[in-house]
Amino acid sequence: MSNPGPISHLSQELVDKLIDDLAASVVDIPFYRSHCLFRSALVCKSFLPRSQYHIFRSIKIQSEGAYEHDYTIKRCQELCRILTQSPQIAAHVQELRLDIQPHDKICLHQTPSFMQAINQICQAHHPIDKLTLAGFRTSQLCDPQGFLDAFTRPFISPFITSLYIQGIKNTPIRMIQECVNLSDLTLRGVDFECDSRPNSSRKYVPRPRLRSLTYRASHGAIEKLLGKGFTSHPIHLSTLCALTIFTDEIEDILRAQSIIRATNSLQELYLETRGNICHPPDYRKQHMSLEGHINLKKTNLRILHANVVFGPSDNERLSGILSILKTVPAINSLRSFQLSVYVGFAVNVGPEGLLDADWKSIAEQIRKIASGKTLSFHILFHFLDNENNSSSQTFWGAIANIVSGHNIVHRL
């Protein structure tokens, strides 16, 4: 038997820290993350427990649809085998991700091996904390009522604090209503169905009190959460502290103010964009302006982050964020303001297009907001060099040197 190497003499605390740092460094690269963690588990015996912890923190189960349902069954059976052989792994599971294929006619909750695996996980020391329910493009649950009764009500709704739904067009709204501990909700390309029956085993289910809400291309779902078609809001929005809005579609922008009015505790507002900063750029895509749509007069914001895409018209370039800043009262709680400016994505314009924007008015509003207190202000410039589109190369970078050379930064 070979003698143990020096690495085997490292303290467990140091080993855990090394693996934690490794997992954090590749958190946004799923395939590479799995590869790194599986390799680290083989280094030596002391590396195995912490590697397993990160490998099994999030479990993904994909519904392959009617034609490849056998593959789904095999994966669930393999998961059951792992959990049976190593029961401690079940306690590592914090997030469950279910991927639903379009036109899936065989539901996961009707798959015995899936339900067995979920039961093993939920019998561990702590329940699942986050559920991700994702469709491929646009998908539907084949049996929303059965999904509620067999899966979410016994295993999900009483426990999770975070819910991420993407691309499911018939998500039961009762699934949201019954997640009593839910504090973080993300909706992307989602709509709700409102026909599911209530939980017959519970006469009263308290509504969740959201702390964070993110939505994109989900204006129908937002309308329902705001109470359209209901006698009261399905969830509590008065406790909302952080709101993230994707401003690619006017329908989503139009719902923002209703959410802001529904809460008296909003502290963080993030105005994001994705569709208008794609590469290669799509200059046919309609540019959405925020002008006149968001009013912060009655809020107590501490953090405001906004993305600005320089649109086809000169007067659109900063008018949206300028109209928002004008609504911030002179006496305010704002402590952090970050502005990300994207040039060359929505219209073929070079970095010199920055020079024509109304920076003077922006500077005046920042001075007003910062008066009498400390305000952290960051401005980031992202430039797409359209002359190099043939090589599919995107040039991202701060062009502060260009701006500074024309005395713009000095004005701010």
Protein backbone atom coordinates (compact mmCIF):
# COMPACT_ATOMS: atom_id res chain seq x y z
CA MET A 1 0.00 0.00 0.00
CA SER A 2 1.40 3.39 -1.00
CA ASN A 3 1.97 6.02 1.63
CA PRO A 4 -0.57 8.86 1.71
CA GLY A 5 0.58 12.02 -0.06
CA PRO A 6 0.97 15.43 1.59
CA ILE A 7 -2.50 16.47 0.44
CA SER A 8 -4.07 13.89 2.74
CA HIS A 9 -2.63 15.77 5.74
CA LEU A 10 -4.58 18.95 5.03
CA SER A 11 -7.13 19.85 7.67
CA GLN A 12 -10.74 19.13 6.77
CA GLU A 13 -11.52 22.80 7.28
CA LEU A 14 -8.98 23.79 4.63
CA VAL A 15 -10.17 21.06 2.25
CA ASP A 16 -13.76 22.27 2.58
CA LYS A 17 -12.67 25.85 1.91
CA LEU A 18 -10.77 24.80 -1.23
CA ILE A 19 -13.78 22.94 -2.61
CA ASP A 20 -16.17 25.75 -1.67
CA ASP A 21 -14.00 28.22 -3.59
CA LEU A 22 -13.80 25.85 -6.57
CA ALA A 23 -17.58 25.46 -6.66
CA ALA A 24 -18.10 29.23 -6.41
CA SER A 25 -15.67 29.94 -9.26
CA VAL A 26 -17.60 27.76 -11.76
CA VAL A 27 -21.14 28.27 -10.47
CA ASP A 28 -22.30 29.79 -13.79
CA ILE A 29 -20.78 27.05 -15.98
CA PRO A 30 -22.94 23.97 -15.19
CA PHE A 31 -21.13 21.33 -17.27
CA TYR A 32 -17.64 22.46 -16.24
CA ARG A 33 -18.79 22.78 -12.63
CA SER A 34 -19.92 19.14 -12.58
CA HIS A 35 -16.68 18.04 -14.24
CA CYS A 36 -14.53 19.88 -11.67
CA LEU A 37 -16.47 18.63 -8.67
CA PHE A 38 -16.51 15.02 -9.85
CA ARG A 39 -12.74 15.20 -10.32
CA SER A 40 -12.22 16.79 -6.90
CA ALA A 41 -14.21 13.97 -5.28
CA LEU A 42 -11.55 11.53 -6.52
CA VAL A 43 -8.53 13.39 -5.14
CA CYS A 44 -8.58 11.64 -1.79
CA LYS A 45 -11.03 10.48 0.87
CA SER A 46 -11.13 13.83 2.67
CA PHE A 47 -12.27 15.57 -0.54
CA LEU A 48 -15.29 13.34 -1.05
CA PRO A 49 -17.85 14.66 1.51
CA ARG A 50 -17.58 18.33 0.54
CA SER A 51 -17.54 17.49 -3.17
CA GLN A 52 -20.70 15.43 -2.73
CA TYR A 53 -22.28 18.34 -0.87
CA HIS A 54 -21.84 20.64 -3.87
CA ILE A 55 -22.61 18.00 -6.51
CA PHE A 56 -25.96 17.14 -4.96
CA ARG A 57 -27.02 20.57 -3.69
CA SER A 58 -29.00 20.97 -6.90
CA ILE A 59 -30.59 18.02 -8.68
CA LYS A 60 -31.95 18.28 -12.22
CA ILE A 61 -34.59 15.87 -13.50
CA GLN A 62 -35.75 16.18 -17.08
CA SER A 63 -39.07 14.94 -18.38
CA GLU A 64 -38.17 13.54 -21.79
CA GLY A 65 -41.75 13.32 -23.08
CA ALA A 66 -43.76 10.33 -24.25
CA TYR A 67 -41.16 9.03 -26.73
CA GLU A 68 -38.22 8.84 -24.34
CA HIS A 69 -39.96 8.40 -21.01
CA ASP A 70 -37.90 5.25 -20.39
CA TYR A 71 -34.81 7.47 -20.16
CA THR A 72 -36.50 9.60 -17.50
CA ILE A 73 -37.39 6.45 -15.56
CA LYS A 74 -33.79 5.19 -15.71
CA ARG A 75 -32.41 8.48 -14.42
CA CYS A 76 -34.89 8.53 -11.54
CA GLN A 77 -34.08 4.91 -10.71
CA GLU A 78 -30.37 5.74 -10.67
CA LEU A 79 -31.05 8.63 -8.31
CA CYS A 80 -33.01 6.30 -6.02
CA ARG A 81 -30.09 3.86 -6.03
CA ILE A 82 -27.62 6.60 -5.05
CA LEU A 83 -29.87 7.85 -2.25
CA THR A 84 -30.38 4.31 -0.95
CA GLN A 85 -26.66 3.49 -0.96
CA SER A 86 -25.63 6.85 0.50
CA PRO A 87 -28.57 8.21 2.53
CA GLN A 88 -26.55 11.22 3.72
CA ILE A 89 -26.65 12.63 0.20
CA ALA A 90 -30.38 13.34 0.51
CA ALA A 91 -29.60 15.91 3.20
CA HIS A 92 -27.43 17.87 0.73
CA VAL A 93 -30.28 18.53 -1.71
CA GLN A 94 -31.42 22.14 -1.47
CA GLU A 95 -32.67 22.80 -5.00
CA LEU A 96 -34.75 20.63 -7.30
CA ARG A 97 -34.90 21.52 -11.00
CA LEU A 98 -37.61 19.95 -13.16
CA ASP A 99 -37.35 20.45 -16.93
CA ILE A 100 -40.63 19.90 -18.76
CA GLN A 101 -40.61 19.13 -22.48
CA PRO A 102 -43.26 20.62 -24.81
CA HIS A 103 -46.37 18.47 -25.22
CA ASP A 104 -45.21 16.08 -22.51
CA LYS A 105 -48.07 13.61 -22.04
CA ILE A 106 -46.48 11.57 -19.25
CA CYS A 107 -46.17 13.63 -16.09
CA LEU A 108 -43.31 13.28 -13.64
CA HIS A 109 -45.71 12.96 -10.71
CA GLN A 110 -47.11 9.86 -12.44
CA THR A 111 -43.65 8.27 -12.56
CA PRO A 112 -43.17 6.00 -9.49
CA SER A 113 -39.36 6.19 -9.50
CA PHE A 114 -39.51 10.01 -9.50
CA MET A 115 -41.94 10.08 -6.59
CA GLN A 116 -39.79 7.56 -4.70
CA ALA A 117 -36.70 9.76 -5.14
CA ILE A 118 -38.58 12.87 -3.98
CA ASN A 119 -39.87 11.00 -0.94
CA GLN A 120 -36.33 9.90 -0.03
CA ILE A 121 -35.06 13.47 -0.33
CA CYS A 122 -37.87 14.94 1.74
CA GLN A 123 -37.37 12.38 4.51
CA ALA A 124 -33.88 13.78 5.06
CA HIS A 125 -33.08 16.22 7.87
CA HIS A 126 -34.33 19.31 6.04
CA PRO A 127 -36.78 19.81 3.14
CA ILE A 128 -36.10 21.27 -0.31
CA ASP A 129 -35.55 25.04 -0.21
CA LYS A 130 -35.79 25.97 -3.91
CA LEU A 131 -37.79 24.63 -6.85
CA THR A 132 -36.97 25.46 -10.45
CA LEU A 133 -39.69 24.52 -12.93
CA ALA A 134 -38.49 25.12 -16.47
CA GLY A 135 -40.08 24.50 -19.82
CA PHE A 136 -38.26 24.16 -23.13
CA ARG A 137 -39.32 27.34 -24.95
CA THR A 138 -43.06 27.10 -24.27
CA SER A 139 -44.36 24.09 -22.37
CA GLN A 140 -47.42 23.07 -20.41
CA LEU A 141 -48.05 20.77 -17.50
CA CYS A 142 -50.13 17.88 -18.79
CA ASP A 143 -52.08 17.61 -15.52
CA PRO A 144 -51.86 20.77 -13.37
CA GLN A 145 -54.29 19.46 -10.75
CA GLY A 146 -52.44 16.17 -10.37
CA PHE A 147 -49.13 18.02 -10.19
CA LEU A 148 -50.54 20.06 -7.30
CA ASP A 149 -52.12 17.17 -5.40
CA ALA A 150 -49.40 14.54 -5.79
CA PHE A 151 -46.23 16.62 -5.84
CA THR A 152 -46.26 20.26 -4.75
CA ARG A 153 -48.73 20.07 -1.86
CA PRO A 154 -46.99 17.27 0.07
CA PHE A 155 -43.35 17.94 -0.89
CA ILE A 156 -42.93 21.57 -2.02
CA SER A 157 -45.53 24.11 -0.91
CA PRO A 158 -45.02 23.83 2.87
CA PHE A 159 -41.25 24.27 2.64
CA ILE A 160 -39.64 26.19 -0.24
CA THR A 161 -38.55 29.81 0.12
CA SER A 162 -37.47 30.29 -3.52
CA LEU A 163 -39.38 29.47 -6.72
CA TYR A 164 -38.13 29.94 -10.29
CA ILE A 165 -40.55 29.23 -13.16
CA GLN A 166 -39.67 29.54 -16.83
CA GLY A 167 -41.66 28.83 -19.98
CA ILE A 168 -44.65 27.11 -18.33
CA LYS A 169 -47.87 28.61 -19.67
CA ASN A 170 -50.32 26.85 -17.36
CA THR A 171 -48.66 27.00 -13.96
CA PRO A 172 -51.37 26.59 -11.29
CA ILE A 173 -51.65 29.89 -9.45
CA ARG A 174 -52.57 27.90 -6.35
CA MET A 175 -49.02 26.54 -6.43
CA ILE A 176 -47.80 30.08 -5.73
CA GLN A 177 -50.54 30.84 -3.22
CA GLU A 178 -49.85 27.71 -1.17
CA CYS A 179 -46.06 28.19 -0.82
CA VAL A 180 -46.48 29.67 2.64
CA ASN A 181 -42.75 30.38 3.19
CA LEU A 182 -42.08 31.73 -0.30
CA SER A 183 -39.98 34.90 -0.26
CA ASP A 184 -38.21 34.86 -3.65
CA LEU A 185 -40.17 34.44 -6.91
CA THR A 186 -38.85 34.56 -10.49
CA LEU A 187 -41.12 34.34 -13.55
CA ARG A 188 -39.83 34.16 -17.14
CA GLY A 189 -42.25 33.53 -19.98
CA VAL A 190 -44.91 32.32 -17.56
CA ASP A 191 -48.68 32.45 -17.27
CA PHE A 192 -51.01 30.98 -14.66
CA GLU A 193 -54.10 28.82 -14.85
CA CYS A 194 -56.72 29.57 -12.22
CA ASP A 195 -58.98 26.49 -12.47
CA SER A 196 -57.24 24.18 -10.00
CA ARG A 197 -59.20 23.13 -6.95
CA PRO A 198 -58.20 24.29 -3.46
CA ASN A 199 -56.47 22.01 -0.99
CA SER A 200 -59.30 20.06 0.62
CA SER A 201 -57.12 18.98 3.56
CA ARG A 202 -56.40 22.56 4.66
CA LYS A 203 -59.20 25.05 5.23
CA TYR A 204 -56.86 28.02 5.61
CA VAL A 205 -53.53 28.52 3.86
CA PRO A 206 -51.74 31.83 4.64
CA ARG A 207 -50.60 33.77 1.59
CA PRO A 208 -46.85 34.01 0.98
CA ARG A 209 -45.11 37.28 1.82
CA LEU A 210 -42.73 37.99 -1.03
CA ARG A 211 -39.45 39.76 -0.39
CA SER A 212 -38.05 39.55 -3.93
CA LEU A 213 -39.79 39.41 -7.33
CA THR A 214 -38.21 39.10 -10.78
CA TYR A 215 -40.21 38.87 -13.99
CA ARG A 216 -39.74 38.87 -17.75
CA ALA A 217 -42.30 38.29 -20.53
CA SER A 218 -44.87 37.33 -17.90
CA HIS A 219 -47.31 40.22 -17.89
CA GLY A 220 -50.35 37.92 -17.75
CA ALA A 221 -49.02 36.20 -14.66
CA ILE A 222 -48.19 39.54 -13.03
CA GLU A 223 -51.74 40.79 -13.64
CA LYS A 224 -53.09 37.76 -11.80
CA LEU A 225 -50.66 38.24 -8.90
CA LEU A 226 -51.89 41.83 -8.71
CA GLY A 227 -55.40 40.49 -8.20
CA LYS A 228 -57.00 40.65 -11.65
CA GLY A 229 -59.94 38.25 -11.52
CA PHE A 230 -59.60 37.81 -7.75
CA THR A 231 -61.30 39.50 -4.82
CA SER A 232 -57.85 40.07 -3.26
CA HIS A 233 -54.19 39.64 -4.17
CA PRO A 234 -53.21 35.94 -4.30
CA ILE A 235 -49.96 36.86 -2.52
CA HIS A 236 -48.76 39.63 -0.20
CA LEU A 237 -46.85 42.29 -2.15
CA SER A 238 -46.78 44.80 0.68
CA THR A 239 -43.62 43.13 2.05
CA LEU A 240 -41.71 43.29 -1.26
CA CYS A 241 -38.17 44.66 -0.82
CA ALA A 242 -36.48 43.91 -4.17
CA LEU A 243 -38.00 44.13 -7.66
CA THR A 244 -36.26 43.18 -10.91
CA ILE A 245 -37.99 44.05 -14.18
CA PHE A 246 -36.82 43.12 -17.67
CA THR A 247 -37.70 46.08 -19.84
CA ASP A 248 -37.60 44.34 -23.24
CA GLU A 249 -41.40 44.32 -23.62
CA ILE A 250 -43.75 47.24 -23.07
CA GLU A 251 -46.32 44.96 -21.41
CA ASP A 252 -43.87 44.17 -18.61
CA ILE A 253 -42.95 47.84 -18.20
CA LEU A 254 -46.60 48.81 -17.89
CA ARG A 255 -47.11 46.45 -14.91
CA ALA A 256 -44.15 47.84 -12.95
CA GLN A 257 -45.91 50.82 -11.43
CA SER A 258 -48.79 48.67 -10.16
CA ILE A 259 -46.30 46.52 -8.27
CA ILE A 260 -44.52 49.58 -6.87
CA ARG A 261 -47.85 50.96 -5.65
CA ALA A 262 -48.72 47.63 -4.01
CA THR A 263 -45.68 47.67 -1.74
CA ASN A 264 -44.61 50.20 0.88
CA SER A 265 -41.30 48.50 1.64
CA LEU A 266 -39.45 48.52 -1.70
CA GLN A 267 -35.72 49.12 -1.18
CA GLU A 268 -34.10 47.77 -4.35
CA LEU A 269 -35.13 48.27 -7.99
CA TYR A 270 -33.27 46.65 -10.90
CA LEU A 271 -34.20 47.54 -14.50
CA GLU A 272 -32.61 44.89 -16.71
CA THR A 273 -32.61 44.10 -20.42
CA ARG A 274 -31.70 41.00 -22.43
CA GLY A 275 -33.49 41.07 -25.78
CA ASN A 276 -32.01 44.44 -26.74
CA ILE A 277 -28.39 43.48 -26.12
CA CYS A 278 -28.20 40.27 -28.14
CA HIS A 279 -25.36 39.42 -30.50
CA PRO A 280 -25.45 39.61 -33.43
CA PRO A 281 -27.64 42.67 -32.93
CA ASP A 282 -31.20 42.71 -34.23
CA TYR A 283 -31.81 46.28 -35.39
CA ARG A 284 -35.40 45.39 -36.34
CA LYS A 285 -36.34 44.86 -32.72
CA GLN A 286 -38.50 47.65 -31.34
CA HIS A 287 -36.76 49.78 -28.74
CA MET A 288 -38.74 50.24 -25.54
CA SER A 289 -38.46 53.52 -23.67
CA LEU A 290 -39.07 53.78 -19.93
CA GLU A 291 -40.10 57.41 -20.18
CA GLY A 292 -43.18 58.19 -18.11
CA HIS A 293 -43.79 54.62 -16.93
CA ILE A 294 -42.06 54.41 -13.52
CA ASN A 295 -42.56 56.86 -10.66
CA LEU A 296 -40.48 56.58 -7.48
CA LYS A 297 -41.96 59.55 -5.63
CA LYS A 298 -43.54 57.45 -2.86
CA THR A 299 -40.77 54.88 -2.45
CA ASN A 300 -37.85 54.63 -0.03
CA LEU A 301 -35.37 53.06 -2.41
CA ARG A 302 -31.83 52.40 -1.23
CA ILE A 303 -30.54 50.76 -4.44
CA LEU A 304 -31.33 51.60 -8.07
CA HIS A 305 -29.61 49.78 -10.93
CA ALA A 306 -30.66 50.45 -14.52
CA ASN A 307 -29.62 49.32 -17.99
CA VAL A 308 -29.86 51.90 -20.77
CA VAL A 309 -29.77 50.79 -24.40
CA PHE A 310 -29.02 53.59 -26.85
CA GLY A 311 -32.01 53.39 -29.18
CA PRO A 312 -32.66 54.57 -32.73
CA SER A 313 -33.54 58.14 -31.75
CA ASP A 314 -31.11 60.55 -30.09
CA ASN A 315 -33.69 61.76 -27.60
CA GLU A 316 -34.45 58.18 -26.46
CA ARG A 317 -30.97 57.48 -25.25
CA LEU A 318 -31.23 58.73 -21.68
CA SER A 319 -34.79 60.02 -21.57
CA GLY A 320 -36.18 56.93 -19.85
CA ILE A 321 -33.80 56.85 -16.90
CA LEU A 322 -33.90 60.65 -16.71
CA SER A 323 -37.69 60.61 -16.32
CA ILE A 324 -37.32 58.07 -13.50
CA LEU A 325 -34.64 60.07 -11.68
CA LYS A 326 -36.83 63.17 -11.81
CA THR A 327 -39.44 61.35 -9.69
CA VAL A 328 -36.97 60.63 -6.86
CA PRO A 329 -37.75 63.22 -4.15
CA ALA A 330 -35.06 65.61 -2.94
CA ILE A 331 -35.21 63.97 0.49
CA ASN A 332 -34.61 60.32 -0.26
CA SER A 333 -32.95 57.13 1.01
CA LEU A 334 -31.02 56.22 -2.14
CA ARG A 335 -27.50 55.00 -1.33
CA SER A 336 -26.46 53.22 -4.54
CA PHE A 337 -27.12 54.10 -8.18
CA GLN A 338 -25.59 52.07 -11.00
CA LEU A 339 -26.10 52.87 -14.67
CA SER A 340 -25.06 50.41 -17.40
CA VAL A 341 -25.07 51.96 -20.86
CA TYR A 342 -25.15 49.74 -23.97
CA VAL A 343 -24.04 51.30 -27.24
CA GLY A 344 -24.27 49.66 -30.68
CA PHE A 345 -26.77 46.95 -29.73
CA ALA A 346 -30.15 48.43 -30.71
CA VAL A 347 -28.85 50.75 -33.41
CA ASN A 348 -25.66 50.87 -35.45
CA VAL A 349 -23.89 53.71 -33.67
CA GLY A 350 -20.28 54.06 -32.58
CA PRO A 351 -19.00 55.13 -29.15
CA GLU A 352 -19.12 58.74 -30.29
CA GLY A 353 -22.89 58.42 -29.90
CA LEU A 354 -22.34 58.83 -26.18
CA LEU A 355 -21.31 62.42 -26.71
CA ASP A 356 -24.70 63.52 -27.97
CA ALA A 357 -26.62 62.19 -24.96
CA ASP A 358 -28.06 64.50 -22.33
CA TRP A 359 -25.44 63.88 -19.63
CA LYS A 360 -25.93 67.36 -18.21
CA SER A 361 -29.49 66.57 -17.12
CA ILE A 362 -28.38 63.23 -15.68
CA ALA A 363 -25.67 64.98 -13.66
CA GLU A 364 -28.19 67.49 -12.32
CA GLN A 365 -30.48 64.72 -11.11
CA ILE A 366 -27.60 62.85 -9.47
CA ARG A 367 -26.55 65.99 -7.62
CA LYS A 368 -30.13 66.49 -6.44
CA ILE A 369 -30.42 62.90 -5.23
CA ALA A 370 -27.01 62.95 -3.51
CA SER A 371 -27.55 66.27 -1.75
CA GLY A 372 -26.71 66.05 1.95
CA LYS A 373 -25.71 62.38 1.99
CA THR A 374 -23.31 59.79 0.60
CA LEU A 375 -24.34 58.24 -2.73
CA SER A 376 -22.38 55.46 -4.42
CA PHE A 377 -22.60 56.07 -8.18
CA HIS A 378 -21.20 53.74 -10.85
CA ILE A 379 -21.50 54.08 -14.60
CA LEU A 380 -20.48 51.25 -16.94
CA PHE A 381 -20.19 51.49 -20.72
CA HIS A 382 -20.64 48.44 -22.97
CA PHE A 383 -19.82 48.90 -26.63
CA LEU A 384 -20.53 46.49 -29.51
CA ASP A 385 -18.08 47.09 -32.35
CA ASN A 386 -20.30 46.56 -35.39
CA GLU A 387 -17.37 46.72 -37.81
CA ASN A 388 -16.22 43.34 -36.51
CA ASN A 389 -19.56 41.54 -36.79
CA SER A 390 -18.14 39.31 -39.52
CA SER A 391 -15.87 37.66 -36.95
CA SER A 392 -18.76 37.43 -34.45
CA GLN A 393 -16.59 39.21 -31.93
CA THR A 394 -18.21 41.32 -29.24
CA PHE A 395 -16.17 44.16 -27.76
CA TRP A 396 -17.27 44.82 -24.20
CA GLY A 397 -15.42 47.38 -22.23
CA ALA A 398 -15.39 50.57 -20.32
CA ILE A 399 -14.74 53.44 -22.69
CA ALA A 400 -14.22 55.94 -19.92
CA ASN A 401 -11.11 57.19 -21.70
CA ILE A 402 -13.19 58.23 -24.71
CA VAL A 403 -15.83 59.85 -22.55
CA SER A 404 -13.24 61.55 -20.35
CA GLY A 405 -11.49 62.90 -23.43
CA HIS A 406 -14.66 64.80 -24.31
CA ASN A 407 -15.10 66.13 -20.80
CA ILE A 408 -18.25 64.08 -20.06
CA VAL A 409 -16.99 62.52 -16.85
CA HIS A 410 -15.91 65.95 -15.66
CA ARG A 411 -19.47 67.19 -16.05
CA LEU A 412 -20.77 64.32 -13.93
